[in-house]
Amino acid sequence: MATNLALDQDLLERAFLLSGEATKKAAVTRALQEFIARREQKRVAELFGKLDWDASFDYKAERSREP
């Protein structure tokens, strides 16, 4: 999808330096990916202390590849 954006040139230059990306598209794509990941992590972190722990759950058995 083609989109025209008016981007702040100073922010874009900083994004190039920090990300190592060479194109505007790559820099914006990485920025969006990191923004989304950070927001998703924040939502998960907000659940700490709010979920009940099942002491009988055997996480090691869940890792087993055998049926």
N, C-alpha and C. Protein backbone atom coordinates (compact mmCIF):
# COMPACT_ATOMS: atom_id res chain seq x y z
N MET A 1 0.85 -1.16 0.00
CA MET A 1 0.00 0.00 0.00
C MET A 1 0.90 1.23 0.00
N ALA A 2 0.75 2.05 -1.00
CA ALA A 2 1.53 3.27 -1.10
C ALA A 2 0.91 4.35 -0.21
N THR A 3 1.76 5.01 0.57
CA THR A 3 1.31 6.06 1.47
C THR A 3 2.33 7.18 1.45
N ASN A 4 1.84 8.39 1.39
CA ASN A 4 2.72 9.55 1.47
C ASN A 4 2.66 10.10 2.89
N LEU A 5 3.83 10.25 3.50
CA LEU A 5 3.91 10.78 4.86
C LEU A 5 4.87 11.95 4.91
N ALA A 6 4.54 12.94 5.70
CA ALA A 6 5.45 14.05 5.96
C ALA A 6 6.16 13.71 7.27
N LEU A 7 7.38 13.22 7.17
CA LEU A 7 8.13 12.77 8.34
C LEU A 7 9.10 13.85 8.80
N ASP A 8 9.27 13.95 10.10
CA ASP A 8 10.24 14.87 10.68
C ASP A 8 11.63 14.39 10.28
N GLN A 9 12.36 15.20 9.56
CA GLN A 9 13.67 14.79 9.03
C GLN A 9 14.67 14.48 10.13
N ASP A 10 14.64 15.25 11.22
CA ASP A 10 15.56 14.99 12.34
C ASP A 10 15.28 13.62 12.98
N LEU A 11 14.00 13.31 13.17
CA LEU A 11 13.65 12.00 13.72
C LEU A 11 14.05 10.88 12.78
N LEU A 12 13.85 11.09 11.51
CA LEU A 12 14.21 10.08 10.52
C LEU A 12 15.71 9.83 10.50
N GLU A 13 16.50 10.89 10.57
CA GLU A 13 17.96 10.74 10.61
C GLU A 13 18.40 9.98 11.86
N ARG A 14 17.79 10.29 12.99
CA ARG A 14 18.11 9.56 14.22
C ARG A 14 17.73 8.10 14.10
N ALA A 15 16.59 7.83 13.46
CA ALA A 15 16.15 6.45 13.26
C ALA A 15 17.14 5.70 12.38
N PHE A 16 17.65 6.34 11.35
CA PHE A 16 18.65 5.71 10.49
C PHE A 16 19.90 5.35 11.30
N LEU A 17 20.36 6.29 12.11
CA LEU A 17 21.57 6.06 12.90
C LEU A 17 21.38 4.94 13.92
N LEU A 18 20.27 4.97 14.62
CA LEU A 18 20.05 3.99 15.69
C LEU A 18 19.70 2.61 15.17
N SER A 19 18.97 2.54 14.07
CA SER A 19 18.51 1.26 13.57
C SER A 19 19.47 0.60 12.60
N GLY A 20 20.25 1.42 11.92
CA GLY A 20 21.13 0.88 10.89
C GLY A 20 20.40 0.64 9.58
N GLU A 21 19.13 0.99 9.53
CA GLU A 21 18.36 0.83 8.30
C GLU A 21 18.81 1.87 7.28
N ALA A 22 18.73 1.51 6.00
CA ALA A 22 19.22 2.39 4.95
C ALA A 22 18.11 3.13 4.21
N THR A 23 16.87 2.67 4.36
CA THR A 23 15.78 3.30 3.62
C THR A 23 14.71 3.80 4.58
N LYS A 24 13.94 4.76 4.10
CA LYS A 24 12.84 5.28 4.92
C LYS A 24 11.83 4.18 5.22
N LYS A 25 11.51 3.39 4.22
CA LYS A 25 10.54 2.32 4.41
C LYS A 25 11.01 1.35 5.49
N ALA A 26 12.26 0.94 5.43
CA ALA A 26 12.79 -0.01 6.42
C ALA A 26 12.81 0.61 7.81
N ALA A 27 13.18 1.87 7.91
CA ALA A 27 13.24 2.54 9.21
C ALA A 27 11.84 2.69 9.81
N VAL A 28 10.87 3.06 9.01
CA VAL A 28 9.50 3.22 9.49
C VAL A 28 8.91 1.86 9.85
N THR A 29 9.18 0.85 9.04
CA THR A 29 8.68 -0.49 9.33
C THR A 29 9.24 -0.99 10.65
N ARG A 30 10.53 -0.82 10.87
CA ARG A 30 11.13 -1.27 12.13
C ARG A 30 10.55 -0.49 13.30
N ALA A 31 10.37 0.80 13.13
CA ALA A 31 9.81 1.62 14.21
C ALA A 31 8.41 1.14 14.57
N LEU A 32 7.60 0.84 13.57
CA LEU A 32 6.25 0.34 13.84
C LEU A 32 6.28 -1.02 14.53
N GLN A 33 7.18 -1.90 14.10
CA GLN A 33 7.29 -3.22 14.72
C GLN A 33 7.69 -3.09 16.19
N GLU A 34 8.65 -2.22 16.47
CA GLU A 34 9.10 -2.04 17.85
C GLU A 34 8.03 -1.37 18.70
N PHE A 35 7.29 -0.43 18.13
CA PHE A 35 6.20 0.22 18.84
C PHE A 35 5.15 -0.80 19.25
N ILE A 36 4.76 -1.65 18.31
CA ILE A 36 3.75 -2.67 18.57
C ILE A 36 4.25 -3.66 19.63
N ALA A 37 5.49 -4.11 19.49
CA ALA A 37 6.05 -5.07 20.46
C ALA A 37 6.09 -4.47 21.86
N ARG A 38 6.48 -3.22 21.97
CA ARG A 38 6.56 -2.56 23.28
C ARG A 38 5.17 -2.44 23.91
N ARG A 39 4.17 -2.10 23.11
CA ARG A 39 2.81 -1.99 23.64
C ARG A 39 2.27 -3.35 24.07
N GLU A 40 2.57 -4.39 23.30
CA GLU A 40 2.12 -5.74 23.67
C GLU A 40 2.80 -6.20 24.95
N GLN A 41 4.08 -5.89 25.11
CA GLN A 41 4.80 -6.25 26.32
C GLN A 41 4.20 -5.54 27.53
N LYS A 42 3.83 -4.30 27.34
CA LYS A 42 3.24 -3.52 28.43
C LYS A 42 1.93 -4.15 28.88
N ARG A 43 1.11 -4.61 27.93
CA ARG A 43 -0.16 -5.25 28.28
C ARG A 43 0.07 -6.53 29.07
N VAL A 44 1.08 -7.30 28.68
CA VAL A 44 1.39 -8.54 29.41
C VAL A 44 1.89 -8.20 30.81
N ALA A 45 2.75 -7.21 30.92
CA ALA A 45 3.30 -6.82 32.22
C ALA A 45 2.20 -6.35 33.17
N GLU A 46 1.16 -5.74 32.63
CA GLU A 46 0.05 -5.28 33.47
C GLU A 46 -0.72 -6.44 34.10
N LEU A 47 -0.56 -7.64 33.57
CA LEU A 47 -1.24 -8.82 34.11
C LEU A 47 -0.55 -9.40 35.34
N PHE A 48 0.72 -9.02 35.58
CA PHE A 48 1.45 -9.56 36.72
C PHE A 48 0.69 -9.27 38.01
N GLY A 49 0.48 -10.31 38.79
CA GLY A 49 -0.22 -10.17 40.05
C GLY A 49 -1.73 -10.25 39.92
N LYS A 50 -2.24 -10.33 38.71
CA LYS A 50 -3.68 -10.36 38.50
C LYS A 50 -4.20 -11.75 38.13
N LEU A 51 -3.31 -12.65 37.80
CA LEU A 51 -3.72 -13.99 37.39
C LEU A 51 -3.47 -14.98 38.52
N ASP A 52 -4.38 -15.92 38.64
CA ASP A 52 -4.21 -16.96 39.66
C ASP A 52 -3.20 -17.99 39.17
N TRP A 53 -2.35 -18.44 40.08
CA TRP A 53 -1.32 -19.42 39.74
C TRP A 53 -1.85 -20.81 40.07
N ASP A 54 -1.72 -21.73 39.12
CA ASP A 54 -2.13 -23.12 39.32
C ASP A 54 -0.90 -23.91 39.75
N ALA A 55 -0.80 -24.19 41.03
CA ALA A 55 0.37 -24.88 41.57
C ALA A 55 0.52 -26.30 41.03
N SER A 56 -0.56 -26.88 40.52
CA SER A 56 -0.48 -28.25 40.02
C SER A 56 -0.01 -28.31 38.55
N PHE A 57 0.12 -27.17 37.91
CA PHE A 57 0.53 -27.15 36.50
C PHE A 57 2.00 -27.56 36.38
N ASP A 58 2.27 -28.52 35.51
CA ASP A 58 3.63 -29.03 35.32
C ASP A 58 4.16 -28.50 33.97
N TYR A 59 4.86 -27.37 34.02
CA TYR A 59 5.35 -26.77 32.79
C TYR A 59 6.39 -27.64 32.09
N LYS A 60 7.12 -28.44 32.84
CA LYS A 60 8.11 -29.31 32.22
C LYS A 60 7.43 -30.40 31.38
N ALA A 61 6.32 -30.90 31.85
CA ALA A 61 5.59 -31.90 31.08
C ALA A 61 5.06 -31.29 29.79
N GLU A 62 4.68 -30.02 29.83
CA GLU A 62 4.18 -29.35 28.62
C GLU A 62 5.27 -29.17 27.57
N ARG A 63 6.52 -29.14 28.00
CA ARG A 63 7.64 -28.97 27.07
C ARG A 63 8.01 -30.28 26.38
N SER A 64 7.55 -31.38 26.91
CA SER A 64 7.90 -32.68 26.37
C SER A 64 7.39 -32.83 24.95
N ARG A 65 8.22 -33.38 24.07
CA ARG A 65 7.85 -33.59 22.68
C ARG A 65 7.14 -34.93 22.50
N GLU A 66 7.15 -35.74 23.51
CA GLU A 66 6.52 -37.05 23.44
C GLU A 66 5.06 -36.92 23.87
N PRO A 67 4.17 -37.67 23.22
CA PRO A 67 2.73 -37.59 23.57
C PRO A 67 2.40 -38.15 24.93
